[in-house]
C-alpha atoms as a PDB file:
ATOM      1  CA  UNK A   1      15.522  -7.854-121.738  1.00  0.00           C
ATOM      2  CA  UNK A   2      13.186  -8.896-118.945  1.00  0.00           C
ATOM      3  CA  UNK A   3      11.929 -12.458-118.961  1.00  0.00           C
ATOM      4  CA  UNK A   4       8.317 -13.576-118.570  1.00  0.00           C
ATOM      5  CA  UNK A   5       6.890 -16.494-116.611  1.00  0.00           C
ATOM      6  CA  UNK A   6       3.592 -18.400-116.437  1.00  0.00           C
ATOM      7  CA  UNK A   7       2.673 -20.959-113.783  1.00  0.00           C
ATOM      8  CA  UNK A   8       0.146 -23.658-113.058  1.00  0.00           C
ATOM      9  CA  UNK A   9       0.384 -26.282-110.308  1.00  0.00           C
ATOM     10  CA  UNK A  10       3.625 -28.218-110.821  1.00  0.00           C
ATOM     11  CA  UNK A  11       4.593 -26.494-114.091  1.00  0.00           C
ATOM     12  CA  UNK A  12       6.241 -23.275-115.224  1.00  0.00           C
ATOM     13  CA  UNK A  13       6.852 -21.685-118.602  1.00  0.00           C
ATOM     14  CA  UNK A  14       9.640 -19.128-118.719  1.00  0.00           C
ATOM     15  CA  UNK A  15      11.605 -17.060-121.203  1.00  0.00           C
ATOM     16  CA  UNK A  16      14.609 -17.031-118.836  1.00  0.00           C
ATOM     17  CA  UNK A  17      17.157 -18.878-121.010  1.00  0.00           C
ATOM     18  CA  UNK A  18      19.599 -19.014-118.098  1.00  0.00           C
ATOM     19  CA  UNK A  19      17.337 -21.733-116.624  1.00  0.00           C
ATOM     20  CA  UNK A  20      17.323 -23.831-119.808  1.00  0.00           C
ATOM     21  CA  UNK A  21      18.822 -27.321-119.919  1.00  0.00           C
ATOM     22  CA  UNK A  22      20.532 -26.977-123.290  1.00  0.00           C
ATOM     23  CA  UNK A  23      21.898 -30.535-123.075  1.00  0.00           C
ATOM     24  CA  UNK A  24      18.339 -31.889-122.995  1.00  0.00           C
ATOM     25  CA  UNK A  25      17.100 -29.459-125.659  1.00  0.00           C
ATOM     26  CA  UNK A  26      20.009 -30.356-127.934  1.00  0.00           C
ATOM     27  CA  UNK A  27      19.557 -34.084-127.373  1.00  0.00           C
ATOM     28  CA  UNK A  28      15.879 -33.878-128.329  1.00  0.00           C
ATOM     29  CA  UNK A  29      16.397 -31.634-131.353  1.00  0.00           C
ATOM     30  CA  UNK A  30      19.384 -33.580-132.698  1.00  0.00           C
ATOM     31  CA  UNK A  31      18.256 -37.143-131.936  1.00  0.00           C
ATOM     32  CA  UNK A  32      14.434 -37.148-131.846  1.00  0.00           C
ATOM     33  CA  UNK A  33      12.991 -34.209-133.800  1.00  0.00           C
ATOM     34  CA  UNK A  34      12.403 -34.955-137.487  1.00  0.00           C
ATOM     35  CA  UNK A  35      13.203 -31.354-138.473  1.00  0.00           C
ATOM     36  CA  UNK A  36      16.736 -31.049-137.075  1.00  0.00           C
ATOM     37  CA  UNK A  37      18.625 -34.364-137.094  1.00  0.00           C
ATOM     38  CA  UNK A  38      22.229 -33.953-136.036  1.00  0.00           C
ATOM     39  CA  UNK A  39      22.019 -30.220-135.306  1.00  0.00           C
ATOM     40  CA  UNK A  40      25.068 -29.025-133.371  1.00  0.00           C
ATOM     41  CA  UNK A  41      24.662 -28.119-129.704  1.00  0.00           C
ATOM     42  CA  UNK A  42      26.285 -24.720-130.276  1.00  0.00           C
ATOM     43  CA  UNK A  43      23.717 -24.035-133.000  1.00  0.00           C
ATOM     44  CA  UNK A  44      20.818 -24.925-130.698  1.00  0.00           C
ATOM     45  CA  UNK A  45      22.005 -22.610-127.943  1.00  0.00           C
ATOM     46  CA  UNK A  46      22.902 -19.736-130.283  1.00  0.00           C
ATOM     47  CA  UNK A  47      19.506 -20.003-132.012  1.00  0.00           C
ATOM     48  CA  UNK A  48      17.697 -19.953-128.653  1.00  0.00           C
ATOM     49  CA  UNK A  49      19.640 -16.965-127.379  1.00  0.00           C
ATOM     50  CA  UNK A  50      19.016 -15.038-130.629  1.00  0.00           C
ATOM     51  CA  UNK A  51      15.273 -15.773-130.561  1.00  0.00           C
ATOM     52  CA  UNK A  52      12.582 -15.346-127.953  1.00  0.00           C
ATOM     53  CA  UNK A  53      12.835 -18.805-126.405  1.00  0.00           C
ATOM     54  CA  UNK A  54      10.410 -20.520-124.030  1.00  0.00           C
ATOM     55  CA  UNK A  55      11.113 -23.380-121.645  1.00  0.00           C
ATOM     56  CA  UNK A  56       8.461 -25.636-120.115  1.00  0.00           C
ATOM     57  CA  UNK A  57       9.405 -27.005-116.696  1.00  0.00           C
ATOM     58  CA  UNK A  58       7.987 -29.665-114.373  1.00  0.00           C
ATOM     59  CA  UNK A  59       9.380 -28.405-111.082  1.00  0.00           C
ATOM     60  CA  UNK A  60      13.036 -27.661-111.836  1.00  0.00           C
ATOM     61  CA  UNK A  61      13.292 -30.112-114.764  1.00  0.00           C
ATOM     62  CA  UNK A  62      12.903 -28.776-118.294  1.00  0.00           C
ATOM     63  CA  UNK A  63      10.432 -30.882-120.293  1.00  0.00           C
ATOM     64  CA  UNK A  64       9.660 -28.663-123.278  1.00  0.00           C
ATOM     65  CA  UNK A  65      11.033 -25.976-125.547  1.00  0.00           C
ATOM     66  CA  UNK A  66       9.876 -23.537-128.207  1.00  0.00           C
ATOM     67  CA  UNK A  67      11.290 -20.429-129.803  1.00  0.00           C
ATOM     68  CA  UNK A  68       9.960 -17.503-131.776  1.00  0.00           C
ATOM     69  CA  UNK A  69      12.204 -16.019-134.409  1.00  0.00           C
ATOM     70  CA  UNK A  70      10.874 -12.471-134.366  1.00  0.00           C
ATOM     71  CA  UNK A  71      11.351  -8.733-134.662  1.00  0.00           C
ATOM     72  CA  UNK A  72       8.917  -8.504-131.692  1.00  0.00           C
ATOM     73  CA  UNK A  73       6.771  -6.045-133.626  1.00  0.00           C
ATOM     74  CA  UNK A  74       5.341  -7.308-136.925  1.00  0.00           C
ATOM     75  CA  UNK A  75       6.492 -10.871-137.630  1.00  0.00           C
ATOM     76  CA  UNK A  76       7.241 -14.088-135.757  1.00  0.00           C
ATOM     77  CA  UNK A  77       8.072 -17.621-136.842  1.00  0.00           C
ATOM     78  CA  UNK A  78       7.462 -20.424-134.332  1.00  0.00           C
ATOM     79  CA  UNK A  79      10.144 -23.108-134.379  1.00  0.00           C
ATOM     80  CA  UNK A  80      11.603 -26.097-132.518  1.00  0.00           C
ATOM     81  CA  UNK A  81       8.510 -26.819-130.417  1.00  0.00           C
ATOM     82  CA  UNK A  82       8.419 -29.982-128.333  1.00  0.00           C
ATOM     83  CA  UNK A  83       7.227 -31.470-125.065  1.00  0.00           C
ATOM     84  CA  UNK A  84       9.038 -34.627-123.978  1.00  0.00           C
ATOM     85  CA  UNK A  85       6.959 -37.714-124.859  1.00  0.00           C
ATOM     86  CA  UNK A  86       6.579 -38.885-121.249  1.00  0.00           C
ATOM     87  CA  UNK A  87       4.607 -35.683-120.570  1.00  0.00           C
ATOM     88  CA  UNK A  88       2.184 -36.002-123.484  1.00  0.00           C
ATOM     89  CA  UNK A  89      -1.535 -36.416-122.822  1.00  0.00           C
ATOM     90  CA  UNK A  90      -1.668 -33.929-119.938  1.00  0.00           C
ATOM     91  CA  UNK A  91      -2.725 -30.854-121.922  1.00  0.00           C
ATOM     92  CA  UNK A  92       0.752 -29.359-121.549  1.00  0.00           C
ATOM     93  CA  UNK A  93       1.260 -28.757-125.272  1.00  0.00           C
ATOM     94  CA  UNK A  94      -1.875 -26.638-125.440  1.00  0.00           C
ATOM     95  CA  UNK A  95      -1.025 -24.750-122.240  1.00  0.00           C
ATOM     96  CA  UNK A  96       2.555 -24.237-123.451  1.00  0.00           C
ATOM     97  CA  UNK A  97       1.300 -22.680-126.704  1.00  0.00           C
ATOM     98  CA  UNK A  98      -1.246 -20.547-124.788  1.00  0.00           C
ATOM     99  CA  UNK A  99       1.680 -19.120-122.829  1.00  0.00           C
ATOM    100  CA  UNK A 100       3.799 -18.537-125.936  1.00  0.00           C
ATOM    101  CA  UNK A 101       1.003 -16.811-127.861  1.00  0.00           C
ATOM    102  CA  UNK A 102      -0.005 -14.706-124.838  1.00  0.00           C
ATOM    103  CA  UNK A 103       3.437 -13.114-124.623  1.00  0.00           C
ATOM    104  CA  UNK A 104       2.906  -9.337-124.944  1.00  0.00           C
ATOM    105  CA  UNK A 105       5.249  -9.093-127.953  1.00  0.00           C
ATOM    106  CA  UNK A 106       2.829 -11.180-130.029  1.00  0.00           C
ATOM    107  CA  UNK A 107      -0.476  -9.412-129.380  1.00  0.00           C
ATOM    108  CA  UNK A 108      -0.371  -7.079-132.398  1.00  0.00           C
ATOM    109  CA  UNK A 109       1.650  -9.085-134.910  1.00  0.00           C
ATOM    110  CA  UNK A 110       0.754  -8.860-138.573  1.00  0.00           C
ATOM    111  CA  UNK A 111       1.919 -12.402-139.244  1.00  0.00           C
ATOM    112  CA  UNK A 112       2.797 -15.481-137.217  1.00  0.00           C
ATOM    113  CA  UNK A 113       4.059 -18.473-139.163  1.00  0.00           C
ATOM    114  CA  UNK A 114       5.184 -22.027-138.549  1.00  0.00           C
ATOM    115  CA  UNK A 115       5.870 -25.231-140.410  1.00  0.00           C
ATOM    116  CA  UNK A 116       4.693 -28.592-139.069  1.00  0.00           C
ATOM    117  CA  UNK A 117       4.346 -32.074-140.466  1.00  0.00           C
ATOM    118  CA  UNK A 118       2.241 -33.478-137.632  1.00  0.00           C
ATOM    119  CA  UNK A 119       0.711 -30.886-135.271  1.00  0.00           C
ATOM    120  CA  UNK A 120      -1.834 -29.072-137.440  1.00  0.00           C
ATOM    121  CA  UNK A 121      -4.695 -29.829-135.015  1.00  0.00           C
ATOM    122  CA  UNK A 122      -2.842 -28.200-132.126  1.00  0.00           C
ATOM    123  CA  UNK A 123      -2.043 -25.014-134.049  1.00  0.00           C
ATOM    124  CA  UNK A 124      -5.520 -24.744-135.577  1.00  0.00           C
ATOM    125  CA  UNK A 125      -6.763 -24.153-131.994  1.00  0.00           C
ATOM    126  CA  UNK A 126      -4.738 -20.921-132.080  1.00  0.00           C
ATOM    127  CA  UNK A 127      -6.033 -19.693-135.438  1.00  0.00           C
ATOM    128  CA  UNK A 128      -3.328 -21.048-137.725  1.00  0.00           C
ATOM    129  CA  UNK A 129      -4.449 -22.122-141.189  1.00  0.00           C
ATOM    130  CA  UNK A 130      -2.813 -23.524-144.293  1.00  0.00           C
ATOM    131  CA  UNK A 131      -1.245 -20.683-146.282  1.00  0.00           C
ATOM    132  CA  UNK A 132      -4.026 -19.144-148.401  1.00  0.00           C
ATOM    133  CA  UNK A 133      -1.833 -18.639-151.452  1.00  0.00           C
ATOM    134  CA  UNK A 134       1.173 -20.981-151.284  1.00  0.00           C
ATOM    135  CA  UNK A 135       2.435 -19.549-154.580  1.00  0.00           C
ATOM    136  CA  UNK A 136       3.341 -16.384-152.641  1.00  0.00           C
ATOM    137  CA  UNK A 137       5.497 -18.239-150.100  1.00  0.00           C
ATOM    138  CA  UNK A 138       9.084 -18.725-151.165  1.00  0.00           C
ATOM    139  CA  UNK A 139      12.154 -20.215-149.565  1.00  0.00           C
ATOM    140  CA  UNK A 140      15.879 -20.409-150.169  1.00  0.00           C
ATOM    141  CA  UNK A 141      17.996 -23.204-148.756  1.00  0.00           C
ATOM    142  CA  UNK A 142      21.600 -22.301-149.533  1.00  0.00           C
ATOM    143  CA  UNK A 143      22.829 -24.961-147.125  1.00  0.00           C
ATOM    144  CA  UNK A 144      20.268 -27.697-146.473  1.00  0.00           C
ATOM    145  CA  UNK A 145      20.067 -28.946-142.909  1.00  0.00           C
ATOM    146  CA  UNK A 146      21.373 -32.474-142.670  1.00  0.00           C
ATOM    147  CA  UNK A 147      23.516 -34.396-140.206  1.00  0.00           C
ATOM    148  CA  UNK A 148      26.556 -34.015-142.446  1.00  0.00           C
ATOM    149  CA  UNK A 149      26.271 -30.210-142.598  1.00  0.00           C
ATOM    150  CA  UNK A 150      24.838 -29.329-139.198  1.00  0.00           C
ATOM    151  CA  UNK A 151      27.377 -31.147-137.010  1.00  0.00           C
ATOM    152  CA  UNK A 152      30.015 -28.632-138.080  1.00  0.00           C
ATOM    153  CA  UNK A 153      27.690 -25.650-137.673  1.00  0.00           C
ATOM    154  CA  UNK A 154      29.488 -23.760-134.947  1.00  0.00           C
END
């Protein structure tokens, strides 16, 4: 699969997972992100490689990450999005999402979904809204994510 890349002065977004700093991504997702405390490093890398993953770079240093869980045709679920805190306030989150949503695989999707506890304003800029009929959305959590269960996830 061919990777894509977007650039602006000093920054690059790429889908080339071979460039990713999985140590940094794992550290953020397991120690900082509220949605994945204690997630195993092997789980982070496997999930990225089995999704369409995006890395945000300042020069050669990775400073952000996002991944789309997708069939690349009709459905995509945005997950694990972050930009390191020291790079906030520069418009990078918005540009990062512009790059993600401009990927050619997402132009004719029937449904894009995400779950967020704190970034509704960002995603509203891209047309996301609260689910119109939440009674239609269901979930199953056979093994809840928690530090005690995710550390042995490999």
